């Protein structure tokens, strides 16, 4: 399995600026790397983080098909997986060459993944998986569901650590450039919530355009990234750089 765990592969979160590229973001060699692994006429599947939002999902499916074609990647089909066909598409996931795990609300997406048994279905998958934001977060063995919505930071029943897909041992925190100064329920997202939650753990905060690239032979952060561990943060790579993990 080849993993591209991104923050955002198609622009900058919470920005109205028009990208200076078409298709996927080529920063940090992502498009070049995708092309290297891409099969001819790939069968593609987008698994939604919003399983009940059918019209939005259909629109996203069309948009991502266009984005892949604009990138110069050949597409035989782009299918959607949501509440209409979740069990069916999860059972057939190994028939696809490229699987996108969409962005959204981490616990909502996680619950859908569990409902359709996606972790077990992906256990034997040998294609390419691209995570986007929440999709990248849910790829971890144990997911850190960083509070996001009002009420989550103070809710004692809100589970911040939940079982994930088990595709990687690394926890991704997306959109660091956009959310680092967020305040939720009167608490600073990073200083008051995430740093304390990192005691005994490691999180990798990615800016948009950076990603974790993982194959059976390597695990790398490509682009600007920060490591949050034991209550402290440090920058581990700059734009254009590659940081090998596990060294």
Protein backbone atom coordinates (compact mmCIF):
# COMPACT_ATOMS: atom_id res chain seq x y z
CA UNK A 1 0.00 0.00 0.00
CA UNK A 2 1.16 3.53 -0.83
CA UNK A 3 -0.07 6.28 1.51
CA UNK A 4 -0.32 10.00 0.84
CA UNK A 5 -1.64 11.50 4.08
CA UNK A 6 -2.28 15.13 3.29
CA UNK A 7 -3.47 18.21 5.06
CA UNK A 8 -5.08 19.60 1.92
CA UNK A 9 -4.01 18.45 -1.56
CA UNK A 10 -6.07 21.02 -3.52
CA UNK A 11 -5.55 24.45 -1.98
CA UNK A 12 -5.28 26.19 1.35
CA UNK A 13 -7.85 25.69 4.09
CA UNK A 14 -9.88 28.82 4.90
CA UNK A 15 -8.30 30.78 2.06
CA UNK A 16 -10.13 32.44 -0.82
CA UNK A 17 -6.96 32.74 -2.88
CA UNK A 18 -7.03 30.96 -6.23
CA UNK A 19 -4.18 28.42 -6.48
CA UNK A 20 -1.52 29.06 -9.11
CA UNK A 21 -1.87 25.48 -10.37
CA UNK A 22 -4.67 23.29 -11.72
CA UNK A 23 -5.49 19.89 -10.32
CA UNK A 24 -3.64 18.61 -7.27
CA UNK A 25 -1.07 20.72 -5.46
CA UNK A 26 2.37 19.85 -6.92
CA UNK A 27 4.21 21.23 -3.86
CA UNK A 28 6.81 18.98 -2.25
CA UNK A 29 6.78 16.56 -5.16
CA UNK A 30 3.36 15.08 -4.49
CA UNK A 31 2.10 15.06 -8.08
CA UNK A 32 5.40 13.71 -9.35
CA UNK A 33 5.28 10.91 -6.76
CA UNK A 34 1.66 10.09 -7.55
CA UNK A 35 2.44 9.83 -11.25
CA UNK A 36 5.27 7.42 -10.46
CA UNK A 37 2.86 5.00 -8.78
CA UNK A 38 -0.22 5.67 -10.91
CA UNK A 39 -1.53 2.78 -13.02
CA UNK A 40 -3.01 3.34 -16.45
CA UNK A 41 -6.74 4.16 -16.36
CA UNK A 42 -7.05 3.94 -12.59
CA UNK A 43 -10.27 2.88 -10.89
CA UNK A 44 -10.87 5.45 -8.15
CA UNK A 45 -13.09 5.53 -5.06
CA UNK A 46 -13.91 8.53 -2.88
CA UNK A 47 -15.07 7.56 0.63
CA UNK A 48 -17.00 10.45 2.13
CA UNK A 49 -16.66 11.80 5.66
CA UNK A 50 -20.29 12.93 5.40
CA UNK A 51 -22.12 9.66 4.65
CA UNK A 52 -25.63 11.14 4.60
CA UNK A 53 -24.91 14.24 2.48
CA UNK A 54 -25.74 12.71 -0.88
CA UNK A 55 -25.89 15.80 -3.08
CA UNK A 56 -22.64 17.14 -1.65
CA UNK A 57 -20.98 13.76 -2.11
CA UNK A 58 -22.06 13.55 -5.75
CA UNK A 59 -20.62 17.01 -6.32
CA UNK A 60 -17.35 16.06 -4.61
CA UNK A 61 -17.11 12.94 -6.72
CA UNK A 62 -17.41 15.00 -9.91
CA UNK A 63 -14.96 17.61 -8.62
CA UNK A 64 -12.31 15.07 -7.71
CA UNK A 65 -12.62 13.30 -11.03
CA UNK A 66 -12.02 16.65 -12.75
CA UNK A 67 -9.09 17.41 -10.41
CA UNK A 68 -7.38 14.11 -11.19
CA UNK A 69 -7.83 14.59 -14.92
CA UNK A 70 -6.51 18.18 -14.68
CA UNK A 71 -3.46 16.77 -12.93
CA UNK A 72 -2.85 14.51 -15.92
CA UNK A 73 -3.78 11.29 -14.14
CA UNK A 74 -5.82 8.85 -16.22
CA UNK A 75 -9.13 7.82 -14.65
CA UNK A 76 -11.28 4.85 -15.69
CA UNK A 77 -13.93 5.66 -13.08
CA UNK A 78 -14.48 7.74 -9.96
CA UNK A 79 -17.05 6.20 -7.62
CA UNK A 80 -18.47 7.50 -4.34
CA UNK A 81 -18.89 5.56 -1.11
CA UNK A 82 -21.41 6.89 1.39
CA UNK A 83 -24.47 5.68 3.31
CA UNK A 84 -26.18 4.66 0.06
CA UNK A 85 -23.68 1.91 -0.72
CA UNK A 86 -21.15 1.79 2.14
CA UNK A 87 -21.11 -1.96 2.76
CA UNK A 88 -21.00 -2.75 -0.94
CA UNK A 89 -18.14 -0.37 -1.76
CA UNK A 90 -16.12 -1.33 1.33
CA UNK A 91 -16.38 -4.99 0.31
CA UNK A 92 -15.10 -4.07 -3.17
CA UNK A 93 -12.36 -1.66 -2.07
CA UNK A 94 -9.57 -3.93 -3.33
CA UNK A 95 -11.01 -3.60 -6.85
CA UNK A 96 -9.91 0.05 -6.88
CA UNK A 97 -6.44 1.39 -7.65
CA UNK A 98 -6.83 4.69 -5.80
CA UNK A 99 -8.88 5.39 -2.68
CA UNK A 100 -9.51 8.89 -1.30
CA UNK A 101 -10.51 9.23 2.34
CA UNK A 102 -12.33 12.56 2.42
CA UNK A 103 -12.02 15.39 4.89
CA UNK A 104 -14.64 16.37 7.44
CA UNK A 105 -15.48 15.70 11.08
CA UNK A 106 -13.14 13.04 12.48
CA UNK A 107 -15.58 11.16 14.80
CA UNK A 108 -18.37 11.19 12.18
CA UNK A 109 -16.09 9.75 9.52
CA UNK A 110 -14.58 7.29 12.00
CA UNK A 111 -18.02 5.96 12.94
CA UNK A 112 -18.87 5.44 9.25
CA UNK A 113 -15.59 3.61 8.66
CA UNK A 114 -16.34 1.33 11.58
CA UNK A 115 -19.91 0.73 10.41
CA UNK A 116 -18.77 -0.48 6.98
CA UNK A 117 -15.81 -2.46 8.36
CA UNK A 118 -13.31 -0.47 6.32
CA UNK A 119 -10.26 -1.32 8.45
CA UNK A 120 -10.65 -5.03 7.77
CA UNK A 121 -11.34 -4.43 4.08
CA UNK A 122 -8.17 -2.34 3.67
CA UNK A 123 -5.97 -4.86 5.46
CA UNK A 124 -5.09 -6.57 2.18
CA UNK A 125 -5.19 -3.48 -0.05
CA UNK A 126 -2.18 -2.95 -2.33
CA UNK A 127 -3.13 0.27 -4.14
CA UNK A 128 -2.80 3.98 -3.35
CA UNK A 129 -4.62 5.67 -0.48
CA UNK A 130 -4.84 9.44 -0.17
CA UNK A 131 -6.09 10.87 3.10
CA UNK A 132 -7.41 14.41 3.24
CA UNK A 133 -7.50 16.15 6.63
CA UNK A 134 -9.86 14.00 8.76
CA UNK A 135 -9.22 11.12 6.38
CA UNK A 136 -5.50 11.32 7.16
CA UNK A 137 -6.20 11.49 10.89
CA UNK A 138 -8.41 8.40 10.75
CA UNK A 139 -5.64 6.35 9.10
CA UNK A 140 -3.78 6.06 12.41
CA UNK A 141 -3.89 2.92 14.53
CA UNK A 142 -5.13 5.06 17.42
CA UNK A 143 -6.72 8.28 16.16
CA UNK A 144 -6.33 11.56 18.01
CA UNK A 145 -9.72 13.19 17.44
CA UNK A 146 -8.58 16.73 18.20
CA UNK A 147 -11.63 18.71 19.44
CA UNK A 148 -13.05 20.80 16.63
CA UNK A 149 -16.71 21.60 17.19
CA UNK A 150 -18.13 23.80 19.97
CA UNK A 151 -18.71 21.78 23.11
CA UNK A 152 -16.24 19.00 22.29
CA UNK A 153 -13.36 20.41 24.32
CA UNK A 154 -15.41 20.51 27.54
CA UNK A 155 -17.56 17.42 27.04
CA UNK A 156 -16.34 14.67 29.41
CA UNK A 157 -17.93 12.03 27.18
CA UNK A 158 -16.10 13.18 24.05
CA UNK A 159 -13.52 10.55 23.11
CA UNK A 160 -10.24 12.10 21.98
CA UNK A 161 -8.56 8.75 21.28
CA UNK A 162 -10.44 6.22 19.17
CA UNK A 163 -9.53 3.15 17.06
CA UNK A 164 -8.57 4.00 13.49
CA UNK A 165 -7.89 2.19 10.24
CA UNK A 166 -4.44 1.09 11.35
CA UNK A 167 -2.71 2.08 8.11
CA UNK A 168 0.00 4.05 9.92
CA UNK A 169 1.41 4.45 13.41
CA UNK A 170 1.65 8.23 12.93
CA UNK A 171 -0.92 10.83 14.03
CA UNK A 172 -1.47 13.67 11.56
CA UNK A 173 -2.86 17.07 12.58
CA UNK A 174 -3.88 18.95 9.42
CA UNK A 175 -4.13 22.64 8.51
CA UNK A 176 -1.64 23.79 11.15
CA UNK A 177 -1.20 27.06 9.25
CA UNK A 178 -4.92 27.82 9.59
CA UNK A 179 -5.92 26.39 12.98
CA UNK A 180 -2.91 27.00 15.23
CA UNK A 181 -4.54 30.03 16.82
CA UNK A 182 -8.04 28.55 17.10
CA UNK A 183 -9.99 28.85 20.35
CA UNK A 184 -12.62 26.22 21.21
CA UNK A 185 -14.89 26.50 24.24
CA UNK A 186 -12.63 29.24 25.59
CA UNK A 187 -9.53 27.06 25.31
CA UNK A 188 -6.59 27.53 22.94
CA UNK A 189 -6.62 24.58 20.56
CA UNK A 190 -2.90 23.97 20.66
CA UNK A 191 -1.60 25.27 24.01
CA UNK A 192 -4.55 24.27 26.22
CA UNK A 193 -5.81 21.13 24.45
CA UNK A 194 -3.36 19.51 22.05
CA UNK A 195 -0.10 20.03 23.91
CA UNK A 196 -1.44 18.43 27.13
CA UNK A 197 -2.95 15.59 25.08
CA UNK A 198 0.49 14.90 23.57
CA UNK A 199 2.01 13.72 26.85
CA UNK A 200 3.49 10.32 26.08
CA UNK A 201 2.45 10.66 22.42
CA UNK A 202 3.66 12.20 19.16
CA UNK A 203 1.58 14.23 16.70
CA UNK A 204 2.73 15.62 13.34
CA UNK A 205 1.19 18.98 12.45
CA UNK A 206 1.18 19.63 8.70
CA UNK A 207 0.58 22.83 6.81
CA UNK A 208 -1.46 22.64 3.61
CA UNK A 209 0.69 21.28 0.80
CA UNK A 210 2.72 19.02 3.11
CA UNK A 211 2.04 15.32 3.50
CA UNK A 212 3.18 12.03 4.98
CA UNK A 213 4.40 9.64 2.31
CA UNK A 214 4.49 6.00 3.38
CA UNK A 215 5.38 2.83 1.50
CA UNK A 216 6.47 -0.59 2.77
CA UNK A 217 10.04 0.71 2.46
CA UNK A 218 9.86 4.26 3.86
CA UNK A 219 7.98 6.75 6.03
CA UNK A 220 8.63 10.42 5.25
CA UNK A 221 7.19 13.84 5.96
CA UNK A 222 7.48 16.01 2.88
CA UNK A 223 7.22 19.75 3.26
CA UNK A 224 6.78 22.03 6.25
CA UNK A 225 5.84 20.13 9.40
CA UNK A 226 5.97 20.30 13.18
CA UNK A 227 6.31 17.58 15.80
CA UNK A 228 4.24 17.90 18.97
CA UNK A 229 5.43 15.57 21.70
CA UNK A 230 5.22 15.56 25.49
CA UNK A 231 3.69 19.03 25.58
CA UNK A 232 6.24 20.69 23.30
CA UNK A 233 6.35 21.64 19.63
CA UNK A 234 9.31 21.86 17.26
CA UNK A 235 9.61 22.40 13.53
CA UNK A 236 11.10 19.31 11.92
CA UNK A 237 11.06 20.26 8.23
CA UNK A 238 10.74 23.25 5.93
CA UNK A 239 9.00 23.66 2.55
CA UNK A 240 10.65 21.39 -0.02
CA UNK A 241 12.42 19.29 2.59
CA UNK A 242 12.05 15.58 3.33
CA UNK A 243 12.12 14.32 6.92
CA UNK A 244 12.51 10.58 7.32
CA UNK A 245 10.62 9.21 10.29
CA UNK A 246 11.98 6.57 12.62
CA UNK A 247 15.56 7.85 12.48
